[in-house]
Each structure stands twice: as structure tokens, then as C-alpha cells.
PDB file of N, CA and C in Angstrom:
ATOM      1  N   MET A   1      -7.261   1.598  24.012  1.00  0.00           N
ATOM      2  CA  MET A   1      -5.750   1.587  22.970  1.00  0.00           C
ATOM      3  C   MET A   1      -5.901   1.586  21.827  1.00  0.00           C
ATOM      4  N   ALA A   2      -4.626   2.202  21.707  1.00  0.00           N
ATOM      5  CA  ALA A   2      -4.527   3.084  20.519  1.00  0.00           C
ATOM      6  C   ALA A   2      -4.254   2.066  19.353  1.00  0.00           C
ATOM      7  N   ARG A   3      -4.025   2.054  18.232  1.00  0.00           N
ATOM      8  CA  ARG A   3      -4.109   1.163  17.226  1.00  0.00           C
ATOM      9  C   ARG A   3      -2.711   1.902  16.405  1.00  0.00           C
ATOM     10  N   GLU A   4      -2.062   1.015  15.841  1.00  0.00           N
ATOM     11  CA  GLU A   4      -0.693   1.540  15.668  1.00  0.00           C
ATOM     12  C   GLU A   4      -1.126   2.186  13.955  1.00  0.00           C
ATOM     13  N   VAL A   5      -0.982   2.782  13.661  1.00  0.00           N
ATOM     14  CA  VAL A   5      -1.263   3.119  12.221  1.00  0.00           C
ATOM     15  C   VAL A   5       0.234   3.033  11.410  1.00  0.00           C
ATOM     16  N   LEU A   6       1.310   3.140  12.026  1.00  0.00           N
ATOM     17  CA  LEU A   6       2.599   2.932  11.028  1.00  0.00           C
ATOM     18  C   LEU A   6       3.413   2.610  11.677  1.00  0.00           C
ATOM     19  N   ASN A   7       4.488   1.397  11.533  1.00  0.00           N
ATOM     20  CA  ASN A   7       5.097   0.733  12.040  1.00  0.00           C
ATOM     21  C   ASN A   7       6.258   0.674  11.553  1.00  0.00           C
ATOM     22  N   VAL A   8       7.688   0.699  11.738  1.00  0.00           N
ATOM     23  CA  VAL A   8       8.571   0.584  11.662  1.00  0.00           C
ATOM     24  C   VAL A   8       9.298  -0.511  10.543  1.00  0.00           C
ATOM     25  N   GLY A   9       8.472  -1.678  10.449  1.00  0.00           N
ATOM     26  CA  GLY A   9       8.433  -1.868   9.484  1.00  0.00           C
ATOM     27  C   GLY A   9       8.119  -1.648   7.696  1.00  0.00           C
ATOM     28  N   GLN A  10       7.385  -0.206   8.194  1.00  0.00           N
ATOM     29  CA  GLN A  10       6.526   0.237   6.679  1.00  0.00           C
ATOM     30  C   GLN A  10       7.688   1.073   6.046  1.00  0.00           C
ATOM     31  N   VAL A  11       8.815   1.876   6.910  1.00  0.00           N
ATOM     32  CA  VAL A  11       9.208   3.056   6.807  1.00  0.00           C
ATOM     33  C   VAL A  11      10.835   2.221   6.023  1.00  0.00           C
ATOM     34  N   ARG A  12      10.741   3.203   4.542  1.00  0.00           N
ATOM     35  CA  ARG A  12      12.051   2.623   3.708  1.00  0.00           C
ATOM     36  C   ARG A  12      13.024   3.951   3.626  1.00  0.00           C
ATOM     37  N   ILE A  13      14.214   3.538   3.752  1.00  0.00           N
ATOM     38  CA  ILE A  13      14.997   4.743   3.748  1.00  0.00           C
ATOM     39  C   ILE A  13      16.063   4.766   2.616  1.00  0.00           C
ATOM     40  N   HIS A  14      16.665   5.223   1.082  1.00  0.00           N
ATOM     41  CA  HIS A  14      16.965   4.707   0.528  1.00  0.00           C
ATOM     42  C   HIS A  14      17.453   5.841   0.192  1.00  0.00           C
ATOM     43  N   PRO A  15      19.302   5.179   0.165  1.00  0.00           N
ATOM     44  CA  PRO A  15      20.531   6.598  -0.324  1.00  0.00           C
ATOM     45  C   PRO A  15      20.378   6.596  -1.949  1.00  0.00           C
ATOM     46  N   GLY A  16      20.620   7.691  -2.236  1.00  0.00           N
ATOM     47  CA  GLY A  16      20.065   8.121  -3.889  1.00  0.00           C
ATOM     48  C   GLY A  16      18.920   8.461  -4.378  1.00  0.00           C
ATOM     49  N   SER A  17      18.871   8.103  -5.810  1.00  0.00           N
ATOM     50  CA  SER A  17      17.608   8.721  -6.248  1.00  0.00           C
ATOM     51  C   SER A  17      16.814   7.663  -6.706  1.00  0.00           C
ATOM     52  N   VAL A  18      15.757   7.701  -6.794  1.00  0.00           N
ATOM     53  CA  VAL A  18      14.775   6.253  -7.429  1.00  0.00           C
ATOM     54  C   VAL A  18      13.996   7.557  -8.080  1.00  0.00           C
ATOM     55  N   SER A  19      13.357   6.601  -9.123  1.00  0.00           N
ATOM     56  CA  SER A  19      12.245   7.424  -9.834  1.00  0.00           C
ATOM     57  C   SER A  19      10.981   7.457  -8.912  1.00  0.00           C
ATOM     58  N   ARG A  20      10.414   8.532  -9.511  1.00  0.00           N
ATOM     59  CA  ARG A  20       8.895   8.535  -8.835  1.00  0.00           C
ATOM     60  C   ARG A  20       8.649   7.682  -8.862  1.00  0.00           C
ATOM     61  N   GLU A  21       8.000   6.748 -10.218  1.00  0.00           N
ATOM     62  CA  GLU A  21       7.237   5.745 -10.557  1.00  0.00           C
ATOM     63  C   GLU A  21       7.757   4.552  -9.662  1.00  0.00           C
ATOM     64  N   ASP A  22       9.055   4.302  -9.469  1.00  0.00           N
ATOM     65  CA  ASP A  22       9.413   3.808  -8.436  1.00  0.00           C
ATOM     66  C   ASP A  22       8.842   3.788  -7.211  1.00  0.00           C
ATOM     67  N   ALA A  23       9.350   5.191  -6.852  1.00  0.00           N
ATOM     68  CA  ALA A  23       8.575   5.369  -5.136  1.00  0.00           C
ATOM     69  C   ALA A  23       7.406   5.230  -4.812  1.00  0.00           C
ATOM     70  N   MET A  24       6.244   5.455  -6.230  1.00  0.00           N
ATOM     71  CA  MET A  24       4.839   5.270  -5.803  1.00  0.00           C
ATOM     72  C   MET A  24       4.744   3.463  -5.407  1.00  0.00           C
ATOM     73  N   LYS A  25       5.136   2.895  -6.804  1.00  0.00           N
ATOM     74  CA  LYS A  25       5.092   1.297  -5.879  1.00  0.00           C
ATOM     75  C   LYS A  25       5.597   1.188  -4.894  1.00  0.00           C
ATOM     76  N   GLU A  26       6.754   1.423  -4.790  1.00  0.00           N
ATOM     77  CA  GLU A  26       7.087   0.947  -3.008  1.00  0.00           C
ATOM     78  C   GLU A  26       6.184   1.378  -1.963  1.00  0.00           C
ATOM     79  N   ALA A  27       5.894   1.947  -2.389  1.00  0.00           N
ATOM     80  CA  ALA A  27       4.605   3.132  -1.302  1.00  0.00           C
ATOM     81  C   ALA A  27       3.042   1.894  -1.386  1.00  0.00           C
ATOM     82  N   ALA A  28       2.621   2.141  -2.797  1.00  0.00           N
ATOM     83  CA  ALA A  28       1.525   1.262  -2.936  1.00  0.00           C
ATOM     84  C   ALA A  28       1.628  -0.292  -2.431  1.00  0.00           C
ATOM     85  N   ASP A  29       3.173  -0.906  -2.560  1.00  0.00           N
ATOM     86  CA  ASP A  29       3.188  -2.322  -2.373  1.00  0.00           C
ATOM     87  C   ASP A  29       3.046  -2.221  -0.711  1.00  0.00           C
ATOM     88  N   ILE A  30       3.847  -1.431  -0.019  1.00  0.00           N
ATOM     89  CA  ILE A  30       3.947  -1.330   1.416  1.00  0.00           C
ATOM     90  C   ILE A  30       2.545  -1.433   1.847  1.00  0.00           C
ATOM     91  N   LEU A  31       1.518  -0.557   1.582  1.00  0.00           N
ATOM     92  CA  LEU A  31       0.467  -0.144   1.713  1.00  0.00           C
ATOM     93  C   LEU A  31      -0.434  -1.593   1.293  1.00  0.00           C
ATOM     94  N   GLN A  32      -0.317  -2.295   0.306  1.00  0.00           N
ATOM     95  CA  GLN A  32      -1.085  -3.411  -0.012  1.00  0.00           C
ATOM     96  C   GLN A  32      -0.579  -4.595   1.369  1.00  0.00           C
ATOM     97  N   ALA A  33       0.455  -4.536   1.057  1.00  0.00           N
ATOM     98  CA  ALA A  33       1.326  -5.320   2.383  1.00  0.00           C
ATOM     99  C   ALA A  33       0.745  -5.734   3.627  1.00  0.00           C
ATOM    100  N   ALA A  34       0.299  -4.290   4.173  1.00  0.00           N
ATOM    101  CA  ALA A  34      -0.156  -4.400   5.122  1.00  0.00           C
ATOM    102  C   ALA A  34      -1.617  -4.591   5.318  1.00  0.00           C
ATOM    103  N   GLY A  35      -2.671  -4.665   4.167  1.00  0.00           N
ATOM    104  CA  GLY A  35      -3.663  -4.829   4.082  1.00  0.00           C
ATOM    105  C   GLY A  35      -4.815  -4.042   4.163  1.00  0.00           C
ATOM    106  N   ALA A  36      -3.725  -2.317   3.917  1.00  0.00           N
ATOM    107  CA  ALA A  36      -4.551  -1.192   4.053  1.00  0.00           C
ATOM    108  C   ALA A  36      -5.012  -0.881   2.980  1.00  0.00           C
ATOM    109  N   VAL A  37      -4.814  -1.414   1.268  1.00  0.00           N
ATOM    110  CA  VAL A  37      -5.153  -0.864   0.076  1.00  0.00           C
ATOM    111  C   VAL A  37      -5.280  -2.067  -0.850  1.00  0.00           C
ATOM    112  N   THR A  38      -5.817  -2.172  -2.091  1.00  0.00           N
ATOM    113  CA  THR A  38      -6.362  -3.679  -2.951  1.00  0.00           C
ATOM    114  C   THR A  38      -5.012  -2.703  -3.977  1.00  0.00           C
ATOM    115  N   GLY A  39      -5.045  -4.095  -4.719  1.00  0.00           N
ATOM    116  CA  GLY A  39      -3.843  -3.856  -5.922  1.00  0.00           C
ATOM    117  C   GLY A  39      -4.300  -2.877  -6.939  1.00  0.00           C
ATOM    118  N   ALA A  40      -5.335  -2.016  -6.994  1.00  0.00           N
ATOM    119  CA  ALA A  40      -5.330  -1.361  -7.453  1.00  0.00           C
ATOM    120  C   ALA A  40      -4.721   0.122  -7.032  1.00  0.00           C
ATOM    121  N   TYR A  41      -4.709   0.029  -6.103  1.00  0.00           N
ATOM    122  CA  TYR A  41      -4.328   1.730  -5.601  1.00  0.00           C
ATOM    123  C   TYR A  41      -3.187   2.463  -6.446  1.00  0.00           C
ATOM    124  N   TYR A  42      -1.778   1.539  -6.770  1.00  0.00           N
ATOM    125  CA  TYR A  42      -1.345   2.179  -7.268  1.00  0.00           C
ATOM    126  C   TYR A  42      -1.328   2.996  -8.616  1.00  0.00           C
ATOM    127  N   ASP A  43      -2.422   2.240  -9.283  1.00  0.00           N
ATOM    128  CA  ASP A  43      -3.033   2.794 -10.508  1.00  0.00           C
ATOM    129  C   ASP A  43      -3.564   4.277 -10.198  1.00  0.00           C
ATOM    130  N   ALA A  44      -4.568   4.183  -8.527  1.00  0.00           N
ATOM    131  CA  ALA A  44      -4.961   5.290  -8.365  1.00  0.00           C
ATOM    132  C   ALA A  44      -4.299   6.203  -8.285  1.00  0.00           C
ATOM    133  N   MET A  45      -2.992   5.646  -7.529  1.00  0.00           N
ATOM    134  CA  MET A  45      -2.104   6.987  -7.314  1.00  0.00           C
ATOM    135  C   MET A  45      -1.517   8.133  -8.143  1.00  0.00           C
ATOM    136  N   GLN A  46      -1.325   6.713  -9.328  1.00  0.00           N
ATOM    137  CA  GLN A  46      -1.013   7.689 -10.894  1.00  0.00           C
ATOM    138  C   GLN A  46      -2.073   8.540 -11.789  1.00  0.00           C
ATOM    139  N   GLN A  47      -3.702   8.232 -11.233  1.00  0.00           N
ATOM    140  CA  GLN A  47      -4.452   8.921 -11.884  1.00  0.00           C
ATOM    141  C   GLN A  47      -4.195  10.288 -11.556  1.00  0.00           C
ATOM    142  N   ARG A  48      -3.772  10.306 -10.130  1.00  0.00           N
ATOM    143  CA  ARG A  48      -4.149  11.876  -9.394  1.00  0.00           C
ATOM    144  C   ARG A  48      -2.746  12.545  -9.630  1.00  0.00           C
ATOM    145  N   GLU A  49      -1.727  11.684 -10.215  1.00  0.00           N
ATOM    146  CA  GLU A  49      -0.429  12.647 -10.316  1.00  0.00           C
ATOM    147  C   GLU A  49      -0.924  13.167 -11.804  1.00  0.00           C
ATOM    148  N   GLU A  50      -1.760  12.101 -12.027  1.00  0.00           N
ATOM    149  CA  GLU A  50      -1.766  13.014 -13.609  1.00  0.00           C
ATOM    150  C   GLU A  50      -2.643  14.554 -13.701  1.00  0.00           C
ATOM    151  N   THR A  51      -3.520  14.547 -12.540  1.00  0.00           N
ATOM    152  CA  THR A  51      -4.265  15.595 -12.598  1.00  0.00           C
ATOM    153  C   THR A  51      -3.387  16.693 -11.712  1.00  0.00           C
ATOM    154  N   VAL A  52      -3.083  16.228 -10.821  1.00  0.00           N
ATOM    155  CA  VAL A  52      -2.142  17.253  -9.288  1.00  0.00           C
ATOM    156  C   VAL A  52      -1.629  16.544  -8.859  1.00  0.00           C
ATOM    157  N   SER A  53      -0.200  17.593  -9.255  1.00  0.00           N
ATOM    158  CA  SER A  53       1.149  16.466  -8.562  1.00  0.00           C
ATOM    159  C   SER A  53       0.749  16.771  -7.076  1.00  0.00           C
ATOM    160  N   THR A  54       1.655  15.631  -6.269  1.00  0.00           N
ATOM    161  CA  THR A  54       1.625  15.596  -4.710  1.00  0.00           C
ATOM    162  C   THR A  54       2.860  15.806  -4.524  1.00  0.00           C
ATOM    163  N   TYR A  55       3.772  16.726  -5.361  1.00  0.00           N
ATOM    164  CA  TYR A  55       5.119  16.934  -4.902  1.00  0.00           C
ATOM    165  C   TYR A  55       5.191  17.829  -3.550  1.00  0.00           C
ATOM    166  N   MET A  56       5.479  17.874  -2.807  1.00  0.00           N
ATOM    167  CA  MET A  56       5.531  19.375  -1.637  1.00  0.00           C
ATOM    168  C   MET A  56       7.013  19.835  -1.203  1.00  0.00           C
ATOM    169  N   GLY A  57       7.695  19.424  -1.810  1.00  0.00           N
ATOM    170  CA  GLY A  57       9.352  20.528  -2.236  1.00  0.00           C
ATOM    171  C   GLY A  57       9.983  19.723  -1.427  1.00  0.00           C
ATOM    172  N   ASN A  58      11.020  19.972  -1.502  1.00  0.00           N
ATOM    173  CA  ASN A  58      12.226  19.318  -0.487  1.00  0.00           C
ATOM    174  C   ASN A  58      12.215  17.961  -0.231  1.00  0.00           C
ATOM    175  N   GLU A  59      12.477  17.099  -1.690  1.00  0.00           N
ATOM    176  CA  GLU A  59      11.939  15.892  -1.708  1.00  0.00           C
ATOM    177  C   GLU A  59      10.964  15.194  -1.309  1.00  0.00           C
ATOM    178  N   LEU A  60       9.658  15.977  -0.604  1.00  0.00           N
ATOM    179  CA  LEU A  60       8.894  15.259  -0.628  1.00  0.00           C
ATOM    180  C   LEU A  60       7.801  15.378  -1.484  1.00  0.00           C
ATOM    181  N   ALA A  61       6.874  14.433  -1.183  1.00  0.00           N
ATOM    182  CA  ALA A  61       5.767  13.747  -1.781  1.00  0.00           C
ATOM    183  C   ALA A  61       4.552  13.193  -0.856  1.00  0.00           C
ATOM    184  N   ILE A  62       3.547  13.240  -1.375  1.00  0.00           N
ATOM    185  CA  ILE A  62       2.335  12.756  -0.457  1.00  0.00           C
ATOM    186  C   ILE A  62       1.740  12.217  -1.409  1.00  0.00           C
ATOM    187  N   PRO A  63       2.048  10.862  -2.237  1.00  0.00           N
ATOM    188  CA  PRO A  63       1.302  10.324  -3.507  1.00  0.00           C
ATOM    189  C   PRO A  63       0.110   9.607  -2.995  1.00  0.00           C
ATOM    190  N   HIS A  64      -1.163   9.621  -3.012  1.00  0.00           N
ATOM    191  CA  HIS A  64      -2.451   9.186  -2.780  1.00  0.00           C
ATOM    192  C   HIS A  64      -3.414   9.204  -4.044  1.00  0.00           C
ATOM    193  N   GLY A  65      -4.312   8.746  -4.021  1.00  0.00           N
ATOM    194  CA  GLY A  65      -5.611   8.297  -5.042  1.00  0.00           C
ATOM    195  C   GLY A  65      -6.355   9.153  -5.588  1.00  0.00           C
ATOM    196  N   THR A  66      -7.372   9.256  -5.756  1.00  0.00           N
ATOM    197  CA  THR A  66      -8.265  10.594  -5.984  1.00  0.00           C
ATOM    198  C   THR A  66      -9.920  10.128  -5.360  1.00  0.00           C
ATOM    199  N   ASN A  67     -10.732  10.866  -4.992  1.00  0.00           N
ATOM    200  CA  ASN A  67     -12.037  10.134  -4.834  1.00  0.00           C
ATOM    201  C   ASN A  67     -12.495   9.857  -5.597  1.00  0.00           C
ATOM    202  N   GLU A  68     -12.534   9.049  -6.538  1.00  0.00           N
ATOM    203  CA  GLU A  68     -13.365   8.238  -7.495  1.00  0.00           C
ATOM    204  C   GLU A  68     -12.609   7.332  -7.259  1.00  0.00           C
ATOM    205  N   THR A  69     -11.163   7.111  -6.700  1.00  0.00           N
ATOM    206  CA  THR A  69     -10.709   5.850  -6.372  1.00  0.00           C
ATOM    207  C   THR A  69     -10.646   5.392  -5.011  1.00  0.00           C
ATOM    208  N   LYS A  70     -11.567   5.914  -3.889  1.00  0.00           N
ATOM    209  CA  LYS A  70     -11.012   5.715  -2.857  1.00  0.00           C
ATOM    210  C   LYS A  70     -11.272   4.635  -2.481  1.00  0.00           C
ATOM    211  N   GLU A  71     -12.248   3.057  -2.933  1.00  0.00           N
ATOM    212  CA  GLU A  71     -12.985   2.274  -2.753  1.00  0.00           C
ATOM    213  C   GLU A  71     -11.555   0.813  -2.768  1.00  0.00           C
ATOM    214  N   THR A  72     -10.158   1.802  -3.631  1.00  0.00           N
ATOM    215  CA  THR A  72      -9.641   1.237  -3.341  1.00  0.00           C
ATOM    216  C   THR A  72      -8.548   0.626  -2.109  1.00  0.00           C
ATOM    217  N   ILE A  73      -8.875   1.708  -1.042  1.00  0.00           N
ATOM    218  CA  ILE A  73      -8.513   2.252   0.852  1.00  0.00           C
ATOM    219  C   ILE A  73      -9.395   1.503   1.309  1.00  0.00           C
ATOM    220  N   LEU A  74      -8.594   0.285   2.022  1.00  0.00           N
ATOM    221  CA  LEU A  74      -9.514  -0.177   2.846  1.00  0.00           C
ATOM    222  C   LEU A  74      -9.315  -0.020   4.795  1.00  0.00           C
ATOM    223  N   ASP A  75      -7.914   0.260   4.848  1.00  0.00           N
ATOM    224  CA  ASP A  75      -8.068   0.345   6.331  1.00  0.00           C
ATOM    225  C   ASP A  75      -6.436   2.096   6.413  1.00  0.00           C
ATOM    226  N   SER A  76      -6.590   2.322   7.148  1.00  0.00           N
ATOM    227  CA  SER A  76      -4.934   3.353   7.267  1.00  0.00           C
ATOM    228  C   SER A  76      -3.811   2.731   7.638  1.00  0.00           C
ATOM    229  N   ALA A  77      -2.588   3.237   7.034  1.00  0.00           N
ATOM    230  CA  ALA A  77      -1.678   2.467   7.499  1.00  0.00           C
ATOM    231  C   ALA A  77      -0.449   3.486   6.973  1.00  0.00           C
TER     232      ALA A  77
END
């Protein structure tokens, strides 16, 4: 049986713009609510952005932590 990694309750679509920090915080909160990360994951995401941007272009970014902060990750989501 396949395990569901992403469900519709974890998807957010917003009209208009939000700040990078607000978007990252919302993503971290969704992951924490799913039990996939600890409360420290948002800080790990910010650390990553300070060293290398996760912006891919065309309004898409894939924020994530660093290898040094992988203990903040509990599961896939």
C-alpha cells in the first residue's frame, strides 16, 4: 500500500503577493502540523536561504534546511 506524502489539506494557493518569510513560515507550519518537522525547521530553512537561495525562477522556490539541521526533519510530507 502506497503512503500518501502530500494531501489536499497541505496545499495553499493565495492570490497576490506575500513576503518570502511569510511563505516560508506558512510552509514550515504546514509541515509541522503534518508531523513531518519540528518547530525548529523554519529556522533551518532561513539558515539555508542565508547561504544559498532556493528560488528556482518563475515565482517558484523550494525552501528547505541544511544537512546540519536534518534532525529537524521527522518524516516526508
